């Protein structure tokens, strides 16, 4: 599970820097550190990193928007006691929420939400009123209570996406509550 969170975070970073990173490729597609594992004479199964990769491929197409994370609580970020600016070491405070937003050419909006807090769920609010009438079409969550949980030939579905339960969308305002240590995707489709 922790590999899926790290991989999902890397994918969000790539999307958020798409103005400079034009192409990103996955080196190994099968076995070793790949999203798909196989066994000679046996079966094939999806590793946990398969899911963020598939979600990015499916929902990460379009115009990347600048998503800004605003928090009011002190617990909402990894604290940098020195308070140094970005580009210096140690880095500035890092929000527990890592996000990317993609506007689809047809009018839809994809949101990728990574809750990096290992203990607390968080309430997330998104203003999407300027997109016109939208509806929640997909809402996915990838998480497991055990960060070391992995899929295997014998347990191929130990870690897999499930519906994100806590999503509400009304009059262009989205509310979601990602659980601790979770990868989440919300796709808002045009009416």
N, C-alpha and C. Protein backbone atom coordinates (compact mmCIF):
# COMPACT_ATOMS: atom_id res chain seq x y z
N UNK A 1 0.82 -1.20 0.00
CA UNK A 1 0.00 0.00 0.00
C UNK A 1 0.86 1.25 0.00
N UNK A 2 1.95 1.22 0.78
CA UNK A 2 2.77 2.43 0.83
C UNK A 2 3.39 2.73 -0.54
N UNK A 3 3.67 1.71 -1.35
CA UNK A 3 4.19 1.95 -2.70
C UNK A 3 3.16 2.68 -3.56
N UNK A 4 1.88 2.31 -3.42
CA UNK A 4 0.82 2.97 -4.19
C UNK A 4 0.72 4.44 -3.80
N UNK A 5 0.86 4.74 -2.51
CA UNK A 5 0.79 6.13 -2.07
C UNK A 5 1.97 6.94 -2.60
N UNK A 6 3.17 6.36 -2.53
CA UNK A 6 4.36 7.06 -3.05
C UNK A 6 4.25 7.25 -4.56
N UNK A 7 3.82 6.22 -5.26
CA UNK A 7 3.69 6.29 -6.72
C UNK A 7 2.61 7.30 -7.12
N UNK A 8 1.48 7.28 -6.40
CA UNK A 8 0.42 8.25 -6.67
C UNK A 8 0.89 9.67 -6.44
N UNK A 9 1.66 9.88 -5.38
CA UNK A 9 2.21 11.21 -5.11
C UNK A 9 3.14 11.67 -6.21
N UNK A 10 3.94 10.74 -6.73
CA UNK A 10 4.84 11.07 -7.84
C UNK A 10 4.03 11.43 -9.09
N UNK A 11 2.96 10.70 -9.34
CA UNK A 11 2.10 11.01 -10.50
C UNK A 11 1.47 12.39 -10.37
N UNK A 12 1.03 12.74 -9.17
CA UNK A 12 0.47 14.07 -8.95
C UNK A 12 1.53 15.13 -9.21
N UNK A 13 2.75 14.91 -8.75
CA UNK A 13 3.83 15.87 -9.01
C UNK A 13 4.09 16.03 -10.50
N UNK A 14 4.07 14.92 -11.23
CA UNK A 14 4.29 15.00 -12.68
C UNK A 14 3.17 15.81 -13.34
N UNK A 15 1.93 15.56 -12.95
CA UNK A 15 0.82 16.33 -13.52
C UNK A 15 0.97 17.82 -13.20
N UNK A 16 1.29 18.12 -11.95
CA UNK A 16 1.39 19.52 -11.54
C UNK A 16 2.58 20.24 -12.16
N UNK A 17 3.50 19.52 -12.74
CA UNK A 17 4.63 20.13 -13.43
C UNK A 17 4.63 19.81 -14.92
N UNK A 18 3.44 19.58 -15.46
CA UNK A 18 3.31 19.22 -16.87
C UNK A 18 3.78 20.34 -17.80
N UNK A 19 3.88 21.56 -17.29
CA UNK A 19 4.40 22.64 -18.12
C UNK A 19 5.90 22.46 -18.39
N UNK A 20 6.57 21.67 -17.57
CA UNK A 20 8.00 21.41 -17.74
C UNK A 20 8.30 19.95 -18.05
N UNK A 21 7.49 19.05 -17.54
CA UNK A 21 7.68 17.61 -17.78
C UNK A 21 6.71 17.22 -18.87
N UNK A 22 7.20 17.04 -20.07
CA UNK A 22 6.33 16.76 -21.21
C UNK A 22 5.98 15.28 -21.36
N UNK A 23 6.88 14.40 -20.94
CA UNK A 23 6.65 12.97 -21.08
C UNK A 23 7.18 12.27 -19.83
N UNK A 24 6.41 11.32 -19.33
CA UNK A 24 6.86 10.48 -18.21
C UNK A 24 6.50 9.05 -18.55
N UNK A 25 7.44 8.16 -18.39
CA UNK A 25 7.23 6.76 -18.74
C UNK A 25 7.51 5.86 -17.55
N UNK A 26 6.85 4.73 -17.54
CA UNK A 26 7.10 3.72 -16.53
C UNK A 26 8.06 2.71 -17.15
N UNK A 27 9.20 2.52 -16.52
CA UNK A 27 10.27 1.71 -17.12
C UNK A 27 9.90 0.23 -17.20
N UNK A 28 9.47 -0.36 -16.12
CA UNK A 28 9.12 -1.78 -16.12
C UNK A 28 7.61 -1.91 -16.06
N UNK A 29 7.04 -2.64 -17.01
CA UNK A 29 5.60 -2.83 -17.03
C UNK A 29 5.18 -4.16 -16.42
N UNK A 30 6.08 -5.15 -16.45
CA UNK A 30 5.77 -6.47 -15.91
C UNK A 30 6.94 -6.95 -15.07
N UNK A 31 6.61 -7.42 -13.84
CA UNK A 31 7.55 -7.98 -12.87
C UNK A 31 8.54 -6.95 -12.33
N UNK A 32 9.38 -7.34 -11.46
CA UNK A 32 10.35 -6.52 -10.72
C UNK A 32 9.61 -5.43 -9.94
N UNK A 33 9.68 -4.17 -10.37
CA UNK A 33 9.00 -3.07 -9.68
C UNK A 33 7.85 -2.55 -10.55
N UNK A 34 7.13 -3.45 -11.15
CA UNK A 34 6.14 -3.11 -12.17
C UNK A 34 4.71 -3.14 -11.62
N UNK A 35 3.77 -2.54 -12.36
CA UNK A 35 2.37 -2.57 -11.92
C UNK A 35 1.71 -3.95 -12.09
N UNK A 36 2.29 -4.80 -12.93
CA UNK A 36 1.72 -6.14 -13.16
C UNK A 36 2.79 -7.18 -12.85
N UNK A 37 2.42 -8.18 -12.09
CA UNK A 37 3.34 -9.27 -11.75
C UNK A 37 2.83 -10.55 -12.39
N UNK A 38 3.76 -11.41 -12.76
CA UNK A 38 3.40 -12.71 -13.31
C UNK A 38 4.28 -13.78 -12.69
N UNK A 39 3.85 -15.01 -12.81
CA UNK A 39 4.63 -16.14 -12.34
C UNK A 39 4.67 -17.15 -13.46
N UNK A 40 5.84 -17.63 -13.80
CA UNK A 40 5.98 -18.61 -14.87
C UNK A 40 5.09 -19.81 -14.57
N UNK A 41 4.23 -20.13 -15.51
CA UNK A 41 3.31 -21.24 -15.34
C UNK A 41 2.16 -20.93 -14.39
N UNK A 42 2.12 -19.71 -13.89
CA UNK A 42 1.07 -19.33 -12.94
C UNK A 42 0.23 -18.19 -13.46
N UNK A 43 -0.29 -17.43 -12.55
CA UNK A 43 -1.18 -16.35 -12.91
C UNK A 43 -0.50 -15.00 -13.03
N UNK A 44 -1.31 -13.99 -13.16
CA UNK A 44 -0.86 -12.60 -13.20
C UNK A 44 -1.76 -11.81 -12.25
N UNK A 45 -1.21 -10.78 -11.65
CA UNK A 45 -1.98 -9.95 -10.73
C UNK A 45 -1.47 -8.53 -10.77
N UNK A 46 -2.32 -7.63 -10.31
CA UNK A 46 -1.99 -6.21 -10.30
C UNK A 46 -1.34 -5.84 -8.97
N UNK A 47 -0.20 -5.18 -9.05
CA UNK A 47 0.43 -4.63 -7.87
C UNK A 47 -0.38 -3.41 -7.42
N UNK A 48 -0.12 -2.91 -6.24
CA UNK A 48 -0.86 -1.75 -5.75
C UNK A 48 -0.60 -0.51 -6.60
N UNK A 49 0.59 -0.37 -7.18
CA UNK A 49 0.89 0.82 -7.99
C UNK A 49 0.13 0.82 -9.32
N UNK A 50 -0.43 -0.33 -9.69
CA UNK A 50 -1.22 -0.41 -10.91
C UNK A 50 -2.37 0.60 -10.88
N UNK A 51 -3.00 0.75 -9.72
CA UNK A 51 -4.23 1.54 -9.64
C UNK A 51 -4.00 3.04 -9.82
N UNK A 52 -3.05 3.68 -9.13
CA UNK A 52 -2.81 5.09 -9.44
C UNK A 52 -2.38 5.30 -10.90
N UNK A 53 -1.60 4.36 -11.45
CA UNK A 53 -1.18 4.46 -12.84
C UNK A 53 -2.39 4.39 -13.77
N UNK A 54 -3.29 3.46 -13.53
CA UNK A 54 -4.50 3.32 -14.36
C UNK A 54 -5.41 4.54 -14.20
N UNK A 55 -5.55 5.03 -12.97
CA UNK A 55 -6.40 6.20 -12.74
C UNK A 55 -5.85 7.44 -13.44
N UNK A 56 -4.54 7.63 -13.37
CA UNK A 56 -3.93 8.78 -14.05
C UNK A 56 -4.10 8.66 -15.56
N UNK A 57 -3.93 7.45 -16.07
CA UNK A 57 -4.08 7.24 -17.51
C UNK A 57 -5.51 7.52 -17.96
N UNK A 58 -6.47 7.14 -17.16
CA UNK A 58 -7.87 7.30 -17.53
C UNK A 58 -8.39 8.71 -17.27
N UNK A 59 -8.05 9.29 -16.11
CA UNK A 59 -8.65 10.56 -15.70
C UNK A 59 -7.70 11.76 -15.80
N UNK A 60 -6.44 11.53 -16.09
CA UNK A 60 -5.46 12.62 -16.08
C UNK A 60 -5.22 13.24 -17.44
N UNK A 61 -6.21 13.24 -18.29
CA UNK A 61 -6.07 13.79 -19.65
C UNK A 61 -6.83 15.10 -19.76
N UNK A 62 -6.14 16.11 -20.22
CA UNK A 62 -6.79 17.41 -20.38
C UNK A 62 -5.85 18.53 -19.98
N UNK A 63 -6.42 19.62 -19.56
CA UNK A 63 -5.65 20.80 -19.16
C UNK A 63 -5.42 20.74 -17.66
N UNK A 64 -4.17 20.78 -17.26
CA UNK A 64 -3.83 20.73 -15.84
C UNK A 64 -4.13 22.09 -15.22
N UNK A 65 -4.86 22.08 -14.12
CA UNK A 65 -5.21 23.31 -13.43
C UNK A 65 -4.28 23.51 -12.23
N UNK A 66 -4.09 24.74 -11.85
CA UNK A 66 -3.29 25.03 -10.66
C UNK A 66 -4.21 24.87 -9.44
N UNK A 67 -4.06 23.77 -8.74
CA UNK A 67 -4.87 23.50 -7.54
C UNK A 67 -4.09 24.00 -6.33
N UNK A 68 -4.72 24.85 -5.56
CA UNK A 68 -4.06 25.42 -4.39
C UNK A 68 -4.67 24.83 -3.13
N UNK A 69 -3.80 24.32 -2.26
CA UNK A 69 -4.26 23.76 -0.99
C UNK A 69 -4.19 24.83 0.08
N UNK A 70 -5.32 25.10 0.70
CA UNK A 70 -5.38 26.07 1.80
C UNK A 70 -5.84 25.34 3.04
N UNK A 71 -5.12 25.53 4.15
CA UNK A 71 -5.49 24.89 5.40
C UNK A 71 -5.53 25.93 6.50
N UNK A 72 -6.35 25.66 7.48
CA UNK A 72 -6.45 26.57 8.62
C UNK A 72 -5.87 25.97 9.88
N UNK A 73 -5.80 24.66 9.95
CA UNK A 73 -5.36 24.01 11.18
C UNK A 73 -3.86 23.74 11.16
N UNK A 74 -3.26 23.79 12.33
CA UNK A 74 -1.83 23.52 12.45
C UNK A 74 -1.49 22.07 12.12
N UNK A 75 -2.43 21.16 12.32
CA UNK A 75 -2.17 19.75 12.09
C UNK A 75 -2.23 19.37 10.60
N UNK A 76 -2.50 20.30 9.72
CA UNK A 76 -2.75 20.00 8.32
C UNK A 76 -1.49 19.87 7.48
N UNK A 77 -0.31 19.91 8.10
CA UNK A 77 0.92 19.76 7.31
C UNK A 77 2.03 19.19 8.18
N UNK A 78 3.00 18.61 7.47
CA UNK A 78 4.22 18.21 8.15
C UNK A 78 4.93 19.50 8.52
N UNK A 79 5.23 19.69 9.75
CA UNK A 79 5.74 20.96 10.23
C UNK A 79 7.22 21.14 9.94
N UNK A 80 7.56 22.32 9.47
CA UNK A 80 8.94 22.72 9.27
C UNK A 80 9.25 23.73 10.37
N UNK A 81 9.92 23.30 11.42
CA UNK A 81 10.13 24.21 12.55
C UNK A 81 10.96 25.44 12.21
N UNK A 82 11.80 25.37 11.19
CA UNK A 82 12.62 26.52 10.83
C UNK A 82 11.87 27.53 9.97
N UNK A 83 10.78 27.10 9.31
CA UNK A 83 9.99 27.99 8.48
C UNK A 83 10.75 28.57 7.30
N UNK A 84 11.69 27.80 6.77
CA UNK A 84 12.47 28.31 5.63
C UNK A 84 11.65 28.31 4.35
N UNK A 85 11.96 29.18 3.41
CA UNK A 85 11.20 29.23 2.15
C UNK A 85 11.51 28.04 1.25
N UNK A 86 10.64 27.86 0.25
CA UNK A 86 10.81 26.78 -0.72
C UNK A 86 12.17 26.91 -1.40
N UNK A 87 12.76 25.77 -1.74
CA UNK A 87 14.05 25.77 -2.42
C UNK A 87 15.22 25.76 -1.46
N UNK A 88 14.95 25.81 -0.18
CA UNK A 88 16.01 25.74 0.81
C UNK A 88 15.85 24.46 1.61
N UNK A 89 16.85 24.13 2.38
CA UNK A 89 16.78 22.92 3.19
C UNK A 89 16.85 23.30 4.65
N UNK A 90 16.02 22.77 5.51
CA UNK A 90 14.92 21.87 5.19
C UNK A 90 13.79 22.59 4.48
N UNK A 91 12.93 21.81 3.83
CA UNK A 91 11.84 22.38 3.03
C UNK A 91 10.80 23.04 3.92
N UNK A 92 9.94 23.90 3.33
CA UNK A 92 8.86 24.52 4.10
C UNK A 92 7.82 23.48 4.49
N UNK A 93 6.83 23.90 5.27
CA UNK A 93 5.76 22.99 5.67
C UNK A 93 5.15 22.33 4.43
N UNK A 94 4.86 21.05 4.55
CA UNK A 94 4.30 20.27 3.44
C UNK A 94 2.89 19.83 3.84
N UNK A 95 1.86 20.25 3.10
CA UNK A 95 0.49 19.87 3.47
C UNK A 95 0.30 18.35 3.40
N UNK A 96 -0.52 17.83 4.29
CA UNK A 96 -0.86 16.41 4.25
C UNK A 96 -1.63 16.09 2.97
N UNK A 97 -2.37 17.05 2.45
CA UNK A 97 -3.13 16.83 1.22
C UNK A 97 -2.28 17.20 0.02
N UNK A 98 -2.12 16.23 -0.88
CA UNK A 98 -1.45 16.50 -2.16
C UNK A 98 -2.52 16.31 -3.22
N UNK A 99 -2.63 17.25 -4.14
CA UNK A 99 -3.74 17.21 -5.09
C UNK A 99 -3.34 17.66 -6.48
N UNK A 100 -4.11 17.21 -7.44
CA UNK A 100 -4.01 17.68 -8.82
C UNK A 100 -5.42 17.75 -9.37
N UNK A 101 -5.63 18.69 -10.29
CA UNK A 101 -6.94 18.86 -10.94
C UNK A 101 -6.72 18.95 -12.44
N UNK A 102 -7.56 18.25 -13.19
CA UNK A 102 -7.45 18.20 -14.65
C UNK A 102 -8.81 18.52 -15.25
N UNK A 103 -8.85 19.56 -16.09
CA UNK A 103 -10.07 19.93 -16.81
C UNK A 103 -10.09 19.18 -18.14
N UNK A 104 -11.11 18.38 -18.33
CA UNK A 104 -11.28 17.59 -19.53
C UNK A 104 -11.82 18.48 -20.65
N UNK A 105 -11.42 18.20 -21.87
CA UNK A 105 -11.86 19.02 -22.99
C UNK A 105 -13.38 19.05 -23.12
N UNK A 106 -14.05 17.96 -22.77
CA UNK A 106 -15.50 17.90 -22.86
C UNK A 106 -16.24 18.56 -21.71
N UNK A 107 -15.52 19.17 -20.78
CA UNK A 107 -16.15 19.90 -19.68
C UNK A 107 -16.10 19.21 -18.33
N UNK A 108 -15.55 18.01 -18.26
CA UNK A 108 -15.45 17.32 -16.98
C UNK A 108 -14.25 17.78 -16.16
N UNK A 109 -14.20 17.36 -14.93
CA UNK A 109 -13.13 17.73 -14.01
C UNK A 109 -12.69 16.51 -13.23
N UNK A 110 -11.39 16.20 -13.27
CA UNK A 110 -10.82 15.09 -12.50
C UNK A 110 -10.02 15.66 -11.34
N UNK A 111 -10.23 15.08 -10.16
CA UNK A 111 -9.50 15.48 -8.97
C UNK A 111 -8.77 14.29 -8.41
N UNK A 112 -7.49 14.46 -8.14
CA UNK A 112 -6.66 13.44 -7.52
C UNK A 112 -6.30 13.95 -6.13
N UNK A 113 -6.64 13.19 -5.10
CA UNK A 113 -6.42 13.61 -3.72
C UNK A 113 -5.63 12.54 -2.98
N UNK A 114 -4.47 12.91 -2.48
CA UNK A 114 -3.64 11.99 -1.71
C UNK A 114 -3.58 12.50 -0.27
N UNK A 115 -4.16 11.75 0.65
CA UNK A 115 -4.09 12.11 2.07
C UNK A 115 -2.84 11.45 2.63
N UNK A 116 -1.82 12.27 2.92
CA UNK A 116 -0.55 11.75 3.43
C UNK A 116 -0.53 11.65 4.95
N UNK A 117 -1.58 12.10 5.61
CA UNK A 117 -1.66 11.96 7.06
C UNK A 117 -1.91 10.48 7.36
N UNK A 118 -1.09 9.91 8.21
CA UNK A 118 -1.20 8.48 8.49
C UNK A 118 -2.27 8.15 9.52
N UNK A 119 -2.80 9.16 10.21
CA UNK A 119 -3.73 8.88 11.30
C UNK A 119 -5.10 9.51 11.15
N UNK A 120 -5.21 10.63 10.45
CA UNK A 120 -6.48 11.35 10.43
C UNK A 120 -7.06 11.45 9.02
N UNK A 121 -8.38 11.30 8.96
CA UNK A 121 -9.06 11.64 7.72
C UNK A 121 -9.11 13.15 7.64
N UNK A 122 -9.40 13.68 6.48
CA UNK A 122 -9.47 15.13 6.34
C UNK A 122 -10.67 15.51 5.49
N UNK A 123 -11.25 16.63 5.81
CA UNK A 123 -12.36 17.15 5.02
C UNK A 123 -11.77 18.06 3.95
N UNK A 124 -12.16 17.81 2.71
CA UNK A 124 -11.67 18.58 1.57
C UNK A 124 -12.85 19.26 0.90
N UNK A 125 -12.69 20.54 0.62
CA UNK A 125 -13.70 21.29 -0.12
C UNK A 125 -13.11 21.82 -1.41
N UNK A 126 -13.86 21.69 -2.50
CA UNK A 126 -13.41 22.14 -3.82
C UNK A 126 -14.50 23.00 -4.43
N UNK A 127 -14.10 24.17 -4.90
CA UNK A 127 -15.03 25.05 -5.61
C UNK A 127 -14.89 24.77 -7.11
N UNK A 128 -15.98 24.33 -7.73
CA UNK A 128 -15.96 24.01 -9.16
C UNK A 128 -17.12 24.68 -9.88
N UNK A 129 -17.58 25.82 -9.38
CA UNK A 129 -18.76 26.48 -9.94
C UNK A 129 -18.55 26.97 -11.36
N UNK A 130 -17.34 27.33 -11.72
CA UNK A 130 -17.10 27.88 -13.05
C UNK A 130 -17.13 26.82 -14.15
N UNK A 131 -17.30 25.57 -13.80
CA UNK A 131 -17.33 24.50 -14.80
C UNK A 131 -18.72 24.23 -15.35
N UNK A 132 -19.71 24.88 -14.81
CA UNK A 132 -21.07 24.61 -15.25
C UNK A 132 -21.64 23.40 -14.52
N UNK A 133 -22.78 22.90 -15.00
CA UNK A 133 -23.41 21.78 -14.31
C UNK A 133 -22.59 20.50 -14.42
N UNK A 134 -22.24 19.94 -13.27
CA UNK A 134 -21.46 18.71 -13.20
C UNK A 134 -22.16 17.74 -12.25
N UNK A 135 -21.82 16.48 -12.38
CA UNK A 135 -22.31 15.46 -11.47
C UNK A 135 -21.16 14.51 -11.14
N UNK A 136 -21.20 13.93 -9.96
CA UNK A 136 -20.16 12.97 -9.56
C UNK A 136 -20.37 11.69 -10.36
N UNK A 137 -19.40 11.38 -11.21
CA UNK A 137 -19.49 10.20 -12.07
C UNK A 137 -18.66 9.04 -11.52
N UNK A 138 -17.48 9.33 -11.01
CA UNK A 138 -16.59 8.32 -10.40
C UNK A 138 -16.08 8.86 -9.09
N UNK A 139 -15.93 7.99 -8.11
CA UNK A 139 -15.35 8.34 -6.81
C UNK A 139 -14.67 7.10 -6.28
N UNK A 140 -13.36 7.11 -6.30
CA UNK A 140 -12.57 5.93 -5.97
C UNK A 140 -11.61 6.20 -4.84
N UNK A 141 -11.41 5.19 -4.03
CA UNK A 141 -10.48 5.27 -2.90
C UNK A 141 -9.61 4.02 -2.91
N UNK A 142 -8.32 4.21 -2.72
CA UNK A 142 -7.40 3.09 -2.57
C UNK A 142 -6.73 3.25 -1.21
N UNK A 143 -6.96 2.28 -0.34
CA UNK A 143 -6.35 2.33 1.00
C UNK A 143 -6.41 0.95 1.63
N UNK A 144 -5.61 0.78 2.65
CA UNK A 144 -5.62 -0.45 3.44
C UNK A 144 -5.12 -0.08 4.82
N UNK A 145 -5.66 -0.72 5.84
CA UNK A 145 -5.23 -0.42 7.21
C UNK A 145 -3.76 -0.74 7.44
N UNK A 146 -3.24 -1.71 6.69
CA UNK A 146 -1.84 -2.11 6.80
C UNK A 146 -1.06 -1.51 5.63
N UNK A 147 -0.17 -0.56 5.92
CA UNK A 147 0.61 0.08 4.85
C UNK A 147 1.54 -0.90 4.14
N UNK A 148 1.82 -2.03 4.75
CA UNK A 148 2.68 -3.03 4.12
C UNK A 148 1.87 -4.06 3.32
N UNK A 149 0.55 -3.91 3.26
CA UNK A 149 -0.30 -4.84 2.51
C UNK A 149 0.09 -4.81 1.05
N UNK A 150 0.10 -5.99 0.44
CA UNK A 150 0.48 -6.12 -0.98
C UNK A 150 -0.38 -7.20 -1.63
N UNK A 151 -0.58 -7.06 -2.92
CA UNK A 151 -1.26 -8.09 -3.68
C UNK A 151 -0.24 -9.16 -4.06
N UNK A 152 -0.73 -10.38 -4.19
CA UNK A 152 0.14 -11.50 -4.56
C UNK A 152 -0.65 -12.47 -5.41
N UNK A 153 0.01 -13.51 -5.85
CA UNK A 153 -0.68 -14.52 -6.65
C UNK A 153 -1.83 -15.14 -5.85
N UNK A 154 -1.62 -15.36 -4.56
CA UNK A 154 -2.64 -15.97 -3.71
C UNK A 154 -3.68 -14.98 -3.21
N UNK A 155 -3.33 -13.70 -3.12
CA UNK A 155 -4.26 -12.65 -2.67
C UNK A 155 -4.21 -11.49 -3.66
N UNK A 156 -4.71 -11.69 -4.90
CA UNK A 156 -4.58 -10.66 -5.93
C UNK A 156 -5.42 -9.41 -5.69
N UNK A 157 -6.41 -9.49 -4.82
CA UNK A 157 -7.29 -8.35 -4.57
C UNK A 157 -7.21 -7.85 -3.13
N UNK A 158 -6.09 -8.09 -2.48
CA UNK A 158 -5.96 -7.64 -1.09
C UNK A 158 -6.05 -6.12 -1.01
N UNK A 159 -5.41 -5.43 -1.95
CA UNK A 159 -5.47 -3.96 -2.02
C UNK A 159 -6.07 -3.62 -3.38
N UNK A 160 -7.25 -3.01 -3.36
CA UNK A 160 -7.91 -2.63 -4.61
C UNK A 160 -8.81 -1.43 -4.34
N UNK A 161 -9.13 -0.69 -5.39
CA UNK A 161 -10.00 0.48 -5.21
C UNK A 161 -11.41 0.08 -4.78
N UNK A 162 -12.00 0.98 -4.01
CA UNK A 162 -13.39 0.84 -3.58
C UNK A 162 -14.04 2.21 -3.76
N UNK A 163 -15.36 2.28 -3.74
CA UNK A 163 -16.01 3.59 -3.84
C UNK A 163 -15.65 4.48 -2.65
N UNK A 164 -15.32 5.72 -2.93
CA UNK A 164 -15.10 6.71 -1.88
C UNK A 164 -16.47 7.10 -1.35
N UNK A 165 -16.73 6.78 -0.11
CA UNK A 165 -18.08 6.92 0.45
C UNK A 165 -18.48 8.36 0.74
N UNK A 166 -17.55 9.15 1.23
CA UNK A 166 -17.92 10.47 1.74
C UNK A 166 -17.68 11.56 0.70
N UNK A 167 -18.56 11.61 -0.30
CA UNK A 167 -18.48 12.63 -1.34
C UNK A 167 -19.87 13.26 -1.51
N UNK A 168 -19.90 14.59 -1.48
CA UNK A 168 -21.14 15.32 -1.73
C UNK A 168 -20.83 16.46 -2.70
N UNK A 169 -21.72 16.67 -3.65
CA UNK A 169 -21.52 17.73 -4.64
C UNK A 169 -22.85 18.45 -4.82
N UNK A 170 -22.82 19.77 -4.58
CA UNK A 170 -24.04 20.56 -4.69
C UNK A 170 -23.69 21.97 -5.12
N UNK A 171 -24.32 22.45 -6.20
CA UNK A 171 -24.15 23.82 -6.70
C UNK A 171 -22.69 24.20 -6.90
N UNK A 172 -21.93 23.28 -7.48
CA UNK A 172 -20.54 23.57 -7.81
C UNK A 172 -19.57 23.45 -6.66
N UNK A 173 -20.03 22.95 -5.53
CA UNK A 173 -19.15 22.78 -4.37
C UNK A 173 -19.08 21.30 -4.01
N UNK A 174 -17.85 20.82 -3.97
CA UNK A 174 -17.59 19.42 -3.65
C UNK A 174 -17.06 19.32 -2.22
N UNK A 175 -17.55 18.32 -1.51
CA UNK A 175 -17.03 17.98 -0.18
C UNK A 175 -16.68 16.50 -0.20
N UNK A 176 -15.48 16.18 0.24
CA UNK A 176 -15.04 14.79 0.32
C UNK A 176 -14.22 14.63 1.59
N UNK A 177 -14.18 13.41 2.10
CA UNK A 177 -13.41 13.13 3.31
C UNK A 177 -12.51 11.94 3.05
N UNK A 178 -11.32 12.17 2.50
CA UNK A 178 -10.37 11.06 2.30
C UNK A 178 -9.88 10.51 3.64
N UNK A 179 -9.81 9.20 3.72
CA UNK A 179 -9.33 8.53 4.92
C UNK A 179 -7.81 8.68 5.03
N UNK A 180 -7.25 8.36 6.19
CA UNK A 180 -5.80 8.45 6.36
C UNK A 180 -5.07 7.56 5.35
N UNK A 181 -3.91 8.01 4.92
CA UNK A 181 -3.05 7.25 4.01
C UNK A 181 -3.86 6.66 2.85
N UNK A 182 -4.47 7.54 2.07
CA UNK A 182 -5.33 7.06 0.98
C UNK A 182 -5.09 7.84 -0.30
N UNK A 183 -5.28 7.14 -1.41
CA UNK A 183 -5.26 7.68 -2.77
C UNK A 183 -6.71 7.77 -3.22
N UNK A 184 -7.15 8.93 -3.71
CA UNK A 184 -8.54 9.14 -4.05
C UNK A 184 -8.66 9.84 -5.40
N UNK A 185 -9.67 9.42 -6.16
CA UNK A 185 -9.96 10.03 -7.46
C UNK A 185 -11.44 10.36 -7.51
N UNK A 186 -11.75 11.58 -7.91
CA UNK A 186 -13.14 12.00 -8.11
C UNK A 186 -13.24 12.58 -9.51
N UNK A 187 -14.17 12.03 -10.30
CA UNK A 187 -14.38 12.57 -11.64
C UNK A 187 -15.78 13.16 -11.70
N UNK A 188 -15.84 14.45 -12.00
CA UNK A 188 -17.09 15.17 -12.15
C UNK A 188 -17.38 15.30 -13.65
N UNK A 189 -18.47 14.71 -14.08
CA UNK A 189 -18.81 14.73 -15.51
C UNK A 189 -19.83 15.81 -15.78
N UNK A 190 -19.79 16.40 -17.00
CA UNK A 190 -20.81 17.38 -17.36
C UNK A 190 -22.17 16.72 -17.52
N UNK A 191 -23.22 17.49 -17.21
CA UNK A 191 -24.60 16.96 -17.39
C UNK A 191 -24.87 16.78 -18.84
